[in-house]
Amino acid sequence: MPSIILSKIKWGVMLSLRKSMPALLLLLVASSPVLATGSWDHNYKFRPGLLSADSQWTPALSYDISLMKTLWSESENQAFRKSISAGVATNGTLAGDADLNNEPLLANARISTFINLYRPAIVSLGDKPGEYRTEKEGFNWGHLSFSLLAGYETDQALENRNLTGGAEVGYVLTENQGFKALVPSIFVGYDFVFNDHSDLEQTLGGEDDSRRVRLFASWKLPVGQWLSDSLDGLNAHVDLRYYKSDGLSQAYRDADKDEAVYTAGSLSYSFGDEPLWGVVNAVYVRLTDGRIPPVTNDDTTVMVGLTVWER
């Protein structure tokens, strides 16, 4: 009897989380402009443009909004400085024709710990006034991170929706000058995926919860720096993602939907600290192939447009 009661409590809690988490995440993200004061760090970026897939064109808008607060941190000059942060974020792409969109709408809340692989140089006064001597060279090798996440994901048509919870480790080299840009940012995550609704799984027979491994690698390449000082704002971005799900039905695996690969490459030109017409931060062209779960259609897309109101 106690085990039955505990089981009912467990599933009651899970059902409550499934119903409330999307609304909670939406509330947190929507309230970010109000909360983003003091030590809150808020960032946003909007990319309106035209999206093409299957020889069809449609207007589209990509967005990326985040709000983060540092909960604890060692001194800025501390070698191998450690910190803890919490935040919420949402990102995705909305297309005039949802069938052409191979990217989902995502929202998540996270708590993260960071270790900066950094040591400041030790400098002393030289023998002459205004002269300094470097006693010990410093270095900046980026940072490591570990995060716990809870999120909600859906395709644009709201036909496939999941509640997710998991953990993620990452490495980011915060400098990308010169050939340091060839070092990728890497993230490895493991998620528990709780099915909220899935047209695809209903078609295949069942709506199973599952587990998912995801591997991300990305590069920001300062192409303009490599070519000419006059092209300093020219950058290329490369994004590779791999997803592998476990615990899905055999029919789902037979349909080859338990794995997903997504690749993207873009070329952009940034206007730096002086946005064009006061709002346009960059122009870009972006090519993608594959899909990001829970989107079920694999497509090759091209998107051209502007980056505006970036912070």
C-alpha atoms as a PDB file:
ATOM      1  CA  MET A   1       0.000   0.000   0.000  1.00  0.00           C
ATOM      2  CA  PRO A   2       2.728   2.603   0.848  1.00  0.00           C
ATOM      3  CA  SER A   3       4.414   1.924  -2.499  1.00  0.00           C
ATOM      4  CA  ILE A   4       1.127   2.473  -4.346  1.00  0.00           C
ATOM      5  CA  ILE A   5       0.562   5.757  -2.516  1.00  0.00           C
ATOM      6  CA  LEU A   6       4.121   6.913  -3.284  1.00  0.00           C
ATOM      7  CA  SER A   7       3.665   5.963  -6.939  1.00  0.00           C
ATOM      8  CA  LYS A   8       0.455   8.009  -7.144  1.00  0.00           C
ATOM      9  CA  ILE A   9       2.178  10.966  -5.490  1.00  0.00           C
ATOM     10  CA  LYS A  10       5.093  10.688  -7.934  1.00  0.00           C
ATOM     11  CA  TRP A  11       2.892  10.694 -11.028  1.00  0.00           C
ATOM     12  CA  GLY A  12       0.710  13.435  -9.563  1.00  0.00           C
ATOM     13  CA  VAL A  13       3.766  15.624  -9.138  1.00  0.00           C
ATOM     14  CA  MET A  14       4.964  14.834 -12.679  1.00  0.00           C
ATOM     15  CA  LEU A  15       1.531  15.659 -14.122  1.00  0.00           C
ATOM     16  CA  SER A  16       1.487  18.936 -12.220  1.00  0.00           C
ATOM     17  CA  LEU A  17       4.966  19.810 -13.519  1.00  0.00           C
ATOM     18  CA  ARG A  18       3.976  19.003 -17.081  1.00  0.00           C
ATOM     19  CA  LYS A  19       1.018  21.356 -16.867  1.00  0.00           C
ATOM     20  CA  SER A  20       2.712  24.207 -15.020  1.00  0.00           C
ATOM     21  CA  MET A  21       6.279  24.227 -16.390  1.00  0.00           C
ATOM     22  CA  PRO A  22       5.464  25.740 -19.842  1.00  0.00           C
ATOM     23  CA  ALA A  23       3.471  28.560 -18.250  1.00  0.00           C
ATOM     24  CA  LEU A  24       6.168  29.141 -15.609  1.00  0.00           C
ATOM     25  CA  LEU A  25       8.964  29.308 -18.173  1.00  0.00           C
ATOM     26  CA  LEU A  26       6.922  31.635 -20.389  1.00  0.00           C
ATOM     27  CA  LEU A  27       6.210  33.894 -17.410  1.00  0.00           C
ATOM     28  CA  LEU A  28       9.883  34.039 -16.421  1.00  0.00           C
ATOM     29  CA  VAL A  29      11.054  34.831 -19.945  1.00  0.00           C
ATOM     30  CA  ALA A  30       8.296  37.386 -20.590  1.00  0.00           C
ATOM     31  CA  SER A  31       9.126  39.171 -17.336  1.00  0.00           C
ATOM     32  CA  SER A  32      12.848  39.449 -18.144  1.00  0.00           C
ATOM     33  CA  PRO A  33      12.755  43.158 -19.122  1.00  0.00           C
ATOM     34  CA  VAL A  34      11.233  43.930 -15.712  1.00  0.00           C
ATOM     35  CA  LEU A  35      13.620  41.711 -13.759  1.00  0.00           C
ATOM     36  CA  ALA A  36      16.721  42.763 -15.670  1.00  0.00           C
ATOM     37  CA  THR A  37      17.975  45.368 -13.220  1.00  0.00           C
ATOM     38  CA  GLY A  38      20.980  45.537 -10.940  1.00  0.00           C
ATOM     39  CA  SER A  39      23.066  42.402 -11.295  1.00  0.00           C
ATOM     40  CA  TRP A  40      20.708  40.773 -13.809  1.00  0.00           C
ATOM     41  CA  ASP A  41      22.323  40.318 -17.212  1.00  0.00           C
ATOM     42  CA  HIS A  42      19.833  40.273 -20.067  1.00  0.00           C
ATOM     43  CA  ASN A  43      20.571  39.653 -23.731  1.00  0.00           C
ATOM     44  CA  TYR A  44      18.353  39.529 -26.765  1.00  0.00           C
ATOM     45  CA  LYS A  45      18.686  39.254 -30.516  1.00  0.00           C
ATOM     46  CA  PHE A  46      16.085  39.211 -33.303  1.00  0.00           C
ATOM     47  CA  ARG A  47      16.726  38.068 -36.873  1.00  0.00           C
ATOM     48  CA  PRO A  48      13.887  38.814 -39.327  1.00  0.00           C
ATOM     49  CA  GLY A  49      14.340  37.475 -42.832  1.00  0.00           C
ATOM     50  CA  LEU A  50      13.159  35.206 -45.613  1.00  0.00           C
ATOM     51  CA  LEU A  51      13.326  31.408 -45.216  1.00  0.00           C
ATOM     52  CA  SER A  52      13.514  29.011 -48.163  1.00  0.00           C
ATOM     53  CA  ALA A  53      12.961  25.228 -48.195  1.00  0.00           C
ATOM     54  CA  ASP A  54      11.710  22.887 -50.913  1.00  0.00           C
ATOM     55  CA  SER A  55      11.954  25.767 -53.430  1.00  0.00           C
ATOM     56  CA  GLN A  56       9.430  27.793 -51.420  1.00  0.00           C
ATOM     57  CA  TRP A  57       9.967  31.099 -49.625  1.00  0.00           C
ATOM     58  CA  THR A  58       8.300  32.387 -46.467  1.00  0.00           C
ATOM     59  CA  PRO A  59       8.915  35.265 -44.032  1.00  0.00           C
ATOM     60  CA  ALA A  60      10.544  34.169 -40.779  1.00  0.00           C
ATOM     61  CA  LEU A  61      11.811  35.520 -37.467  1.00  0.00           C
ATOM     62  CA  SER A  62      14.546  33.931 -35.349  1.00  0.00           C
ATOM     63  CA  TYR A  63      14.892  35.144 -31.772  1.00  0.00           C
ATOM     64  CA  ASP A  64      17.165  34.581 -28.793  1.00  0.00           C
ATOM     65  CA  ILE A  65      16.327  36.048 -25.367  1.00  0.00           C
ATOM     66  CA  SER A  66      18.101  35.282 -22.093  1.00  0.00           C
ATOM     67  CA  LEU A  67      18.227  36.567 -18.543  1.00  0.00           C
ATOM     68  CA  MET A  68      20.931  35.502 -16.086  1.00  0.00           C
ATOM     69  CA  LYS A  69      21.905  36.471 -12.551  1.00  0.00           C
ATOM     70  CA  THR A  70      25.212  35.752 -10.846  1.00  0.00           C
ATOM     71  CA  LEU A  71      24.432  34.160  -7.486  1.00  0.00           C
ATOM     72  CA  TRP A  72      28.027  33.893  -6.280  1.00  0.00           C
ATOM     73  CA  SER A  73      31.433  34.628  -7.721  1.00  0.00           C
ATOM     74  CA  GLU A  74      35.055  34.858  -6.695  1.00  0.00           C
ATOM     75  CA  SER A  75      37.026  38.034  -7.359  1.00  0.00           C
ATOM     76  CA  GLU A  76      37.462  39.063 -11.012  1.00  0.00           C
ATOM     77  CA  ASN A  77      41.261  38.826 -10.681  1.00  0.00           C
ATOM     78  CA  GLN A  78      41.192  35.412  -9.018  1.00  0.00           C
ATOM     79  CA  ALA A  79      43.030  32.714 -10.975  1.00  0.00           C
ATOM     80  CA  PHE A  80      40.686  29.904 -12.020  1.00  0.00           C
ATOM     81  CA  ARG A  81      37.768  32.010 -10.786  1.00  0.00           C
ATOM     82  CA  LYS A  82      34.593  30.071  -9.969  1.00  0.00           C
ATOM     83  CA  SER A  83      31.009  31.332 -10.078  1.00  0.00           C
ATOM     84  CA  ILE A  84      27.389  30.165  -9.877  1.00  0.00           C
ATOM     85  CA  SER A  85      24.597  31.635 -11.991  1.00  0.00           C
ATOM     86  CA  ALA A  86      20.889  31.074 -12.587  1.00  0.00           C
ATOM     87  CA  GLY A  87      18.875  32.087 -15.603  1.00  0.00           C
ATOM     88  CA  VAL A  88      16.045  31.595 -18.054  1.00  0.00           C
ATOM     89  CA  ALA A  89      16.164  31.690 -21.844  1.00  0.00           C
ATOM     90  CA  THR A  90      14.049  31.174 -24.907  1.00  0.00           C
ATOM     91  CA  ASN A  91      15.024  30.845 -28.555  1.00  0.00           C
ATOM     92  CA  GLY A  92      13.673  29.528 -31.833  1.00  0.00           C
ATOM     93  CA  THR A  93      12.416  30.401 -35.295  1.00  0.00           C
ATOM     94  CA  LEU A  94       8.889  31.325 -36.370  1.00  0.00           C
ATOM     95  CA  ALA A  95       8.087  30.928 -40.074  1.00  0.00           C
ATOM     96  CA  GLY A  96       5.099  32.069 -42.101  1.00  0.00           C
ATOM     97  CA  ASP A  97       4.823  28.461 -43.337  1.00  0.00           C
ATOM     98  CA  ALA A  98       5.479  26.209 -40.317  1.00  0.00           C
ATOM     99  CA  ASP A  99       6.044  23.168 -42.583  1.00  0.00           C
ATOM    100  CA  LEU A 100       9.277  24.742 -43.859  1.00  0.00           C
ATOM    101  CA  ASN A 101      10.695  25.292 -40.374  1.00  0.00           C
ATOM    102  CA  ASN A 102      13.211  22.679 -39.115  1.00  0.00           C
ATOM    103  CA  GLU A 103      13.950  24.472 -35.818  1.00  0.00           C
ATOM    104  CA  PRO A 104      11.872  24.236 -32.606  1.00  0.00           C
ATOM    105  CA  LEU A 105      10.700  26.781 -30.064  1.00  0.00           C
ATOM    106  CA  LEU A 106      12.618  26.289 -26.809  1.00  0.00           C
ATOM    107  CA  ALA A 107      12.421  27.686 -23.279  1.00  0.00           C
ATOM    108  CA  ASN A 108      14.513  26.638 -20.305  1.00  0.00           C
ATOM    109  CA  ALA A 109      15.542  27.549 -16.786  1.00  0.00           C
ATOM    110  CA  ARG A 110      18.994  26.614 -15.526  1.00  0.00           C
ATOM    111  CA  ILE A 111      21.475  26.881 -12.710  1.00  0.00           C
ATOM    112  CA  SER A 112      25.128  26.752 -13.748  1.00  0.00           C
ATOM    113  CA  THR A 113      28.550  26.700 -12.197  1.00  0.00           C
ATOM    114  CA  PHE A 114      31.562  28.023 -14.111  1.00  0.00           C
ATOM    115  CA  ILE A 115      35.313  27.603 -13.745  1.00  0.00           C
ATOM    116  CA  ASN A 116      37.301  30.211 -15.653  1.00  0.00           C
ATOM    117  CA  LEU A 117      40.531  28.787 -17.008  1.00  0.00           C
ATOM    118  CA  TYR A 118      42.179  32.152 -16.573  1.00  0.00           C
ATOM    119  CA  ARG A 119      45.157  33.581 -14.725  1.00  0.00           C
ATOM    120  CA  PRO A 120      46.071  37.280 -14.826  1.00  0.00           C
ATOM    121  CA  ALA A 121      49.631  38.286 -15.566  1.00  0.00           C
ATOM    122  CA  ILE A 122      51.771  39.278 -12.576  1.00  0.00           C
ATOM    123  CA  VAL A 123      53.321  42.684 -13.268  1.00  0.00           C
ATOM    124  CA  SER A 124      55.757  44.735 -11.197  1.00  0.00           C
ATOM    125  CA  LEU A 125      57.247  48.212 -11.526  1.00  0.00           C
ATOM    126  CA  GLY A 126      60.369  48.478 -13.645  1.00  0.00           C
ATOM    127  CA  ASP A 127      63.605  50.276 -12.885  1.00  0.00           C
ATOM    128  CA  LYS A 128      62.466  53.491 -14.582  1.00  0.00           C
ATOM    129  CA  PRO A 129      59.312  55.578 -14.004  1.00  0.00           C
ATOM    130  CA  GLY A 130      56.420  54.369 -16.138  1.00  0.00           C
ATOM    131  CA  GLU A 131      58.188  51.080 -16.856  1.00  0.00           C
ATOM    132  CA  TYR A 132      56.607  47.730 -15.974  1.00  0.00           C
ATOM    133  CA  ARG A 133      58.014  44.236 -15.897  1.00  0.00           C
ATOM    134  CA  THR A 134      56.018  41.034 -16.370  1.00  0.00           C
ATOM    135  CA  GLU A 135      56.995  38.627 -13.623  1.00  0.00           C
ATOM    136  CA  LYS A 136      54.685  35.840 -14.763  1.00  0.00           C
ATOM    137  CA  GLU A 137      52.667  35.520 -17.948  1.00  0.00           C
ATOM    138  CA  GLY A 138      48.919  35.141 -17.668  1.00  0.00           C
ATOM    139  CA  PHE A 139      46.627  33.031 -19.826  1.00  0.00           C
ATOM    140  CA  ASN A 140      42.986  32.737 -20.840  1.00  0.00           C
ATOM    141  CA  TRP A 141      41.882  29.275 -21.943  1.00  0.00           C
ATOM    142  CA  GLY A 142      38.141  29.939 -21.717  1.00  0.00           C
ATOM    143  CA  HIS A 143      35.807  28.349 -19.184  1.00  0.00           C
ATOM    144  CA  LEU A 144      34.209  25.072 -18.175  1.00  0.00           C
ATOM    145  CA  SER A 145      30.567  24.871 -17.113  1.00  0.00           C
ATOM    146  CA  PHE A 146      28.152  22.438 -15.523  1.00  0.00           C
ATOM    147  CA  SER A 147      24.411  23.115 -15.659  1.00  0.00           C
ATOM    148  CA  LEU A 148      21.164  21.625 -14.411  1.00  0.00           C
ATOM    149  CA  LEU A 149      18.250  22.446 -16.717  1.00  0.00           C
ATOM    150  CA  ALA A 150      14.472  22.198 -16.945  1.00  0.00           C
ATOM    151  CA  GLY A 151      12.774  23.167 -20.179  1.00  0.00           C
ATOM    152  CA  TYR A 152       9.938  22.932 -22.620  1.00  0.00           C
ATOM    153  CA  GLU A 153      10.271  22.309 -26.348  1.00  0.00           C
ATOM    154  CA  THR A 154       7.809  22.265 -29.224  1.00  0.00           C
ATOM    155  CA  ASP A 155       7.689  22.455 -32.985  1.00  0.00           C
ATOM    156  CA  GLN A 156       6.035  25.548 -34.408  1.00  0.00           C
ATOM    157  CA  ALA A 157       2.769  23.741 -35.171  1.00  0.00           C
ATOM    158  CA  LEU A 158       2.580  22.534 -31.519  1.00  0.00           C
ATOM    159  CA  GLU A 159       2.192  18.967 -32.783  1.00  0.00           C
ATOM    160  CA  ASN A 160       5.169  17.543 -30.879  1.00  0.00           C
ATOM    161  CA  ARG A 161       5.834  18.896 -27.377  1.00  0.00           C
ATOM    162  CA  ASN A 162       8.073  17.753 -24.529  1.00  0.00           C
ATOM    163  CA  LEU A 163       8.994  18.706 -20.995  1.00  0.00           C
ATOM    164  CA  THR A 164      12.720  18.130 -20.419  1.00  0.00           C
ATOM    165  CA  GLY A 165      15.065  17.988 -17.459  1.00  0.00           C
ATOM    166  CA  GLY A 166      18.726  17.127 -17.386  1.00  0.00           C
ATOM    167  CA  ALA A 167      22.351  18.149 -17.059  1.00  0.00           C
ATOM    168  CA  GLU A 168      24.964  19.631 -19.370  1.00  0.00           C
ATOM    169  CA  VAL A 169      28.723  20.135 -19.356  1.00  0.00           C
ATOM    170  CA  GLY A 170      30.409  22.604 -21.643  1.00  0.00           C
ATOM    171  CA  TYR A 171      33.638  24.234 -22.697  1.00  0.00           C
ATOM    172  CA  VAL A 172      33.915  27.675 -24.320  1.00  0.00           C
ATOM    173  CA  LEU A 173      37.096  29.443 -25.403  1.00  0.00           C
ATOM    174  CA  THR A 174      36.042  33.034 -24.775  1.00  0.00           C
ATOM    175  CA  GLU A 175      38.637  34.529 -27.153  1.00  0.00           C
ATOM    176  CA  ASN A 176      38.366  33.995 -30.894  1.00  0.00           C
ATOM    177  CA  GLN A 177      41.124  36.239 -32.194  1.00  0.00           C
ATOM    178  CA  GLY A 178      43.262  34.778 -34.945  1.00  0.00           C
ATOM    179  CA  PHE A 179      43.391  31.027 -35.089  1.00  0.00           C
ATOM    180  CA  LYS A 180      42.011  30.556 -31.559  1.00  0.00           C
ATOM    181  CA  ALA A 181      38.672  30.619 -33.370  1.00  0.00           C
ATOM    182  CA  LEU A 182      39.409  27.125 -34.699  1.00  0.00           C
ATOM    183  CA  VAL A 183      38.865  25.756 -31.171  1.00  0.00           C
ATOM    184  CA  PRO A 184      35.145  24.816 -30.932  1.00  0.00           C
ATOM    185  CA  SER A 185      32.723  25.482 -28.119  1.00  0.00           C
ATOM    186  CA  ILE A 186      31.525  22.036 -26.993  1.00  0.00           C
ATOM    187  CA  PHE A 187      28.453  21.024 -24.990  1.00  0.00           C
ATOM    188  CA  VAL A 188      27.378  17.523 -23.950  1.00  0.00           C
ATOM    189  CA  GLY A 189      23.951  17.042 -22.401  1.00  0.00           C
ATOM    190  CA  TYR A 190      21.755  14.263 -21.056  1.00  0.00           C
ATOM    191  CA  ASP A 191      18.005  14.884 -20.837  1.00  0.00           C
ATOM    192  CA  PHE A 192      14.980  13.079 -19.475  1.00  0.00           C
ATOM    193  CA  VAL A 193      12.239  13.780 -22.025  1.00  0.00           C
ATOM    194  CA  PHE A 194       8.640  13.651 -20.774  1.00  0.00           C
ATOM    195  CA  ASN A 195       6.206  13.535 -23.671  1.00  0.00           C
ATOM    196  CA  ASP A 196       3.482  16.171 -23.441  1.00  0.00           C
ATOM    197  CA  HIS A 197       1.980  15.473 -26.860  1.00  0.00           C
ATOM    198  CA  SER A 198       3.256  13.919 -30.104  1.00  0.00           C
ATOM    199  CA  ASP A 199       1.297  13.518 -33.330  1.00  0.00           C
ATOM    200  CA  LEU A 200       4.154  11.407 -34.694  1.00  0.00           C
ATOM    201  CA  GLU A 201       4.224   8.977 -31.762  1.00  0.00           C
ATOM    202  CA  GLN A 202       0.441   8.653 -31.818  1.00  0.00           C
ATOM    203  CA  THR A 203       0.694   7.734 -35.499  1.00  0.00           C
ATOM    204  CA  LEU A 204       3.405   5.176 -34.737  1.00  0.00           C
ATOM    205  CA  GLY A 205       1.533   3.798 -31.721  1.00  0.00           C
ATOM    206  CA  GLY A 206       2.318   5.257 -28.308  1.00  0.00           C
ATOM    207  CA  GLU A 207       3.599   8.359 -26.530  1.00  0.00           C
ATOM    208  CA  ASP A 208       6.698   7.243 -24.656  1.00  0.00           C
ATOM    209  CA  ASP A 209       8.892   9.180 -22.281  1.00  0.00           C
ATOM    210  CA  SER A 210      12.555   8.790 -23.166  1.00  0.00           C
ATOM    211  CA  ARG A 211      16.133   9.759 -22.468  1.00  0.00           C
ATOM    212  CA  ARG A 212      18.295  11.744 -24.848  1.00  0.00           C
ATOM    213  CA  VAL A 213      22.004  12.431 -25.330  1.00  0.00           C
ATOM    214  CA  ARG A 214      22.959  15.569 -27.221  1.00  0.00           C
ATOM    215  CA  LEU A 215      26.343  16.720 -28.504  1.00  0.00           C
ATOM    216  CA  PHE A 216      26.943  20.273 -29.760  1.00  0.00           C
ATOM    217  CA  ALA A 217      29.995  21.863 -31.350  1.00  0.00           C
ATOM    218  CA  SER A 218      30.147  25.400 -32.715  1.00  0.00           C
ATOM    219  CA  TRP A 219      32.674  27.821 -34.143  1.00  0.00           C
ATOM    220  CA  LYS A 220      32.709  31.583 -34.668  1.00  0.00           C
ATOM    221  CA  LEU A 221      35.326  32.330 -37.309  1.00  0.00           C
ATOM    222  CA  PRO A 222      36.581  35.939 -37.726  1.00  0.00           C
ATOM    223  CA  VAL A 223      36.953  35.624 -41.489  1.00  0.00           C
ATOM    224  CA  GLY A 224      37.343  39.368 -41.946  1.00  0.00           C
ATOM    225  CA  GLN A 225      40.309  39.501 -39.540  1.00  0.00           C
ATOM    226  CA  TRP A 226      42.031  36.840 -41.598  1.00  0.00           C
ATOM    227  CA  LEU A 227      41.417  38.646 -44.899  1.00  0.00           C
ATOM    228  CA  SER A 228      41.713  42.394 -44.333  1.00  0.00           C
ATOM    229  CA  ASP A 229      41.294  45.035 -41.627  1.00  0.00           C
ATOM    230  CA  SER A 230      38.581  46.648 -43.744  1.00  0.00           C
ATOM    231  CA  LEU A 231      36.488  43.451 -43.445  1.00  0.00           C
ATOM    232  CA  ASP A 232      36.731  43.210 -39.660  1.00  0.00           C
ATOM    233  CA  GLY A 233      32.952  42.782 -39.308  1.00  0.00           C
ATOM    234  CA  LEU A 234      32.795  39.677 -41.518  1.00  0.00           C
ATOM    235  CA  ASN A 235      32.241  36.468 -39.505  1.00  0.00           C
ATOM    236  CA  ALA A 236      31.323  32.872 -40.248  1.00  0.00           C
ATOM    237  CA  HIS A 237      29.468  30.586 -37.826  1.00  0.00           C
ATOM    238  CA  VAL A 238      29.369  26.794 -37.938  1.00  0.00           C
ATOM    239  CA  ASP A 239      26.992  24.756 -35.755  1.00  0.00           C
ATOM    240  CA  LEU A 240      26.912  20.930 -35.496  1.00  0.00           C
ATOM    241  CA  ARG A 241      24.390  19.047 -33.326  1.00  0.00           C
ATOM    242  CA  TYR A 242      23.679  15.373 -32.743  1.00  0.00           C
ATOM    243  CA  TYR A 243      20.769  13.872 -30.761  1.00  0.00           C
ATOM    244  CA  LYS A 244      20.267  10.230 -29.804  1.00  0.00           C
ATOM    245  CA  SER A 245      17.135   9.120 -27.923  1.00  0.00           C
ATOM    246  CA  ASP A 246      16.660   5.927 -25.941  1.00  0.00           C
ATOM    247  CA  GLY A 247      13.471   4.373 -24.578  1.00  0.00           C
ATOM    248  CA  LEU A 248      11.263   5.058 -27.604  1.00  0.00           C
ATOM    249  CA  SER A 249       9.058   2.420 -29.217  1.00  0.00           C
ATOM    250  CA  GLN A 250      10.398   0.063 -31.881  1.00  0.00           C
ATOM    251  CA  ALA A 251       8.155   1.715 -34.466  1.00  0.00           C
ATOM    252  CA  TYR A 252       9.764   5.064 -33.663  1.00  0.00           C
ATOM    253  CA  ARG A 253      13.220   3.576 -34.127  1.00  0.00           C
ATOM    254  CA  ASP A 254      12.189   1.825 -37.339  1.00  0.00           C
ATOM    255  CA  ALA A 255      11.074   5.196 -38.690  1.00  0.00           C
ATOM    256  CA  ASP A 256      14.606   6.476 -37.974  1.00  0.00           C
ATOM    257  CA  LYS A 257      13.289   9.189 -35.642  1.00  0.00           C
ATOM    258  CA  ASP A 258      15.366   8.245 -32.587  1.00  0.00           C
ATOM    259  CA  GLU A 259      18.398  10.073 -34.050  1.00  0.00           C
ATOM    260  CA  ALA A 260      18.721  13.601 -35.369  1.00  0.00           C
ATOM    261  CA  VAL A 261      21.596  15.502 -36.939  1.00  0.00           C
ATOM    262  CA  TYR A 262      21.538  19.241 -37.509  1.00  0.00           C
ATOM    263  CA  THR A 263      24.202  21.298 -39.276  1.00  0.00           C
ATOM    264  CA  ALA A 264      24.215  25.024 -39.901  1.00  0.00           C
ATOM    265  CA  GLY A 265      26.585  27.514 -41.419  1.00  0.00           C
ATOM    266  CA  SER A 266      26.185  31.265 -41.722  1.00  0.00           C
ATOM    267  CA  LEU A 267      28.057  34.274 -42.996  1.00  0.00           C
ATOM    268  CA  SER A 268      27.329  37.647 -41.418  1.00  0.00           C
ATOM    269  CA  TYR A 269      28.616  41.192 -41.564  1.00  0.00           C
ATOM    270  CA  SER A 270      28.387  43.180 -38.314  1.00  0.00           C
ATOM    271  CA  PHE A 271      28.188  46.975 -38.182  1.00  0.00           C
ATOM    272  CA  GLY A 272      29.876  47.011 -34.770  1.00  0.00           C
ATOM    273  CA  ASP A 273      29.043  49.739 -32.258  1.00  0.00           C
ATOM    274  CA  GLU A 274      27.172  51.844 -34.835  1.00  0.00           C
ATOM    275  CA  PRO A 275      24.074  49.905 -35.996  1.00  0.00           C
ATOM    276  CA  LEU A 276      22.765  50.741 -39.447  1.00  0.00           C
ATOM    277  CA  TRP A 277      19.794  53.132 -39.127  1.00  0.00           C
ATOM    278  CA  GLY A 278      20.215  52.766 -35.362  1.00  0.00           C
ATOM    279  CA  VAL A 279      18.681  49.252 -35.188  1.00  0.00           C
ATOM    280  CA  VAL A 280      20.378  46.937 -37.725  1.00  0.00           C
ATOM    281  CA  ASN A 281      23.366  45.211 -36.115  1.00  0.00           C
ATOM    282  CA  ALA A 282      24.239  42.832 -38.953  1.00  0.00           C
ATOM    283  CA  VAL A 283      23.171  41.244 -42.232  1.00  0.00           C
ATOM    284  CA  TYR A 284      23.462  37.484 -42.730  1.00  0.00           C
ATOM    285  CA  VAL A 285      22.825  34.429 -44.873  1.00  0.00           C
ATOM    286  CA  ARG A 286      22.329  31.050 -43.164  1.00  0.00           C
ATOM    287  CA  LEU A 287      22.200  27.499 -44.512  1.00  0.00           C
ATOM    288  CA  THR A 288      20.871  24.604 -42.385  1.00  0.00           C
ATOM    289  CA  ASP A 289      20.298  20.903 -42.914  1.00  0.00           C
ATOM    290  CA  GLY A 290      18.563  18.289 -40.745  1.00  0.00           C
ATOM    291  CA  ARG A 291      16.326  18.946 -37.752  1.00  0.00           C
ATOM    292  CA  ILE A 292      16.346  19.771 -34.038  1.00  0.00           C
ATOM    293  CA  PRO A 293      13.986  17.653 -31.862  1.00  0.00           C
ATOM    294  CA  PRO A 294      11.087  17.650 -31.319  1.00  0.00           C
ATOM    295  CA  VAL A 295      10.761  18.805 -34.957  1.00  0.00           C
ATOM    296  CA  THR A 296      10.185  15.681 -37.069  1.00  0.00           C
ATOM    297  CA  ASN A 297      10.868  16.923 -40.623  1.00  0.00           C
ATOM    298  CA  ASP A 298      14.411  16.897 -41.989  1.00  0.00           C
ATOM    299  CA  ASP A 299      14.883  19.849 -44.339  1.00  0.00           C
ATOM    300  CA  THR A 300      17.548  21.923 -46.004  1.00  0.00           C
ATOM    301  CA  THR A 301      16.830  25.618 -45.538  1.00  0.00           C
ATOM    302  CA  VAL A 302      18.337  28.945 -46.528  1.00  0.00           C
ATOM    303  CA  MET A 303      17.560  32.120 -44.576  1.00  0.00           C
ATOM    304  CA  VAL A 304      18.677  35.642 -45.462  1.00  0.00           C
ATOM    305  CA  GLY A 305      17.962  38.641 -43.306  1.00  0.00           C
ATOM    306  CA  LEU A 306      19.000  41.170 -40.692  1.00  0.00           C
ATOM    307  CA  THR A 307      20.030  41.036 -37.038  1.00  0.00           C
ATOM    308  CA  VAL A 308      18.272  43.839 -35.163  1.00  0.00           C
ATOM    309  CA  TRP A 309      18.056  45.201 -31.613  1.00  0.00           C
ATOM    310  CA  GLU A 310      20.938  43.013 -30.443  1.00  0.00           C
ATOM    311  CA  ARG A 311      22.137  43.371 -26.904  1.00  0.00           C
END
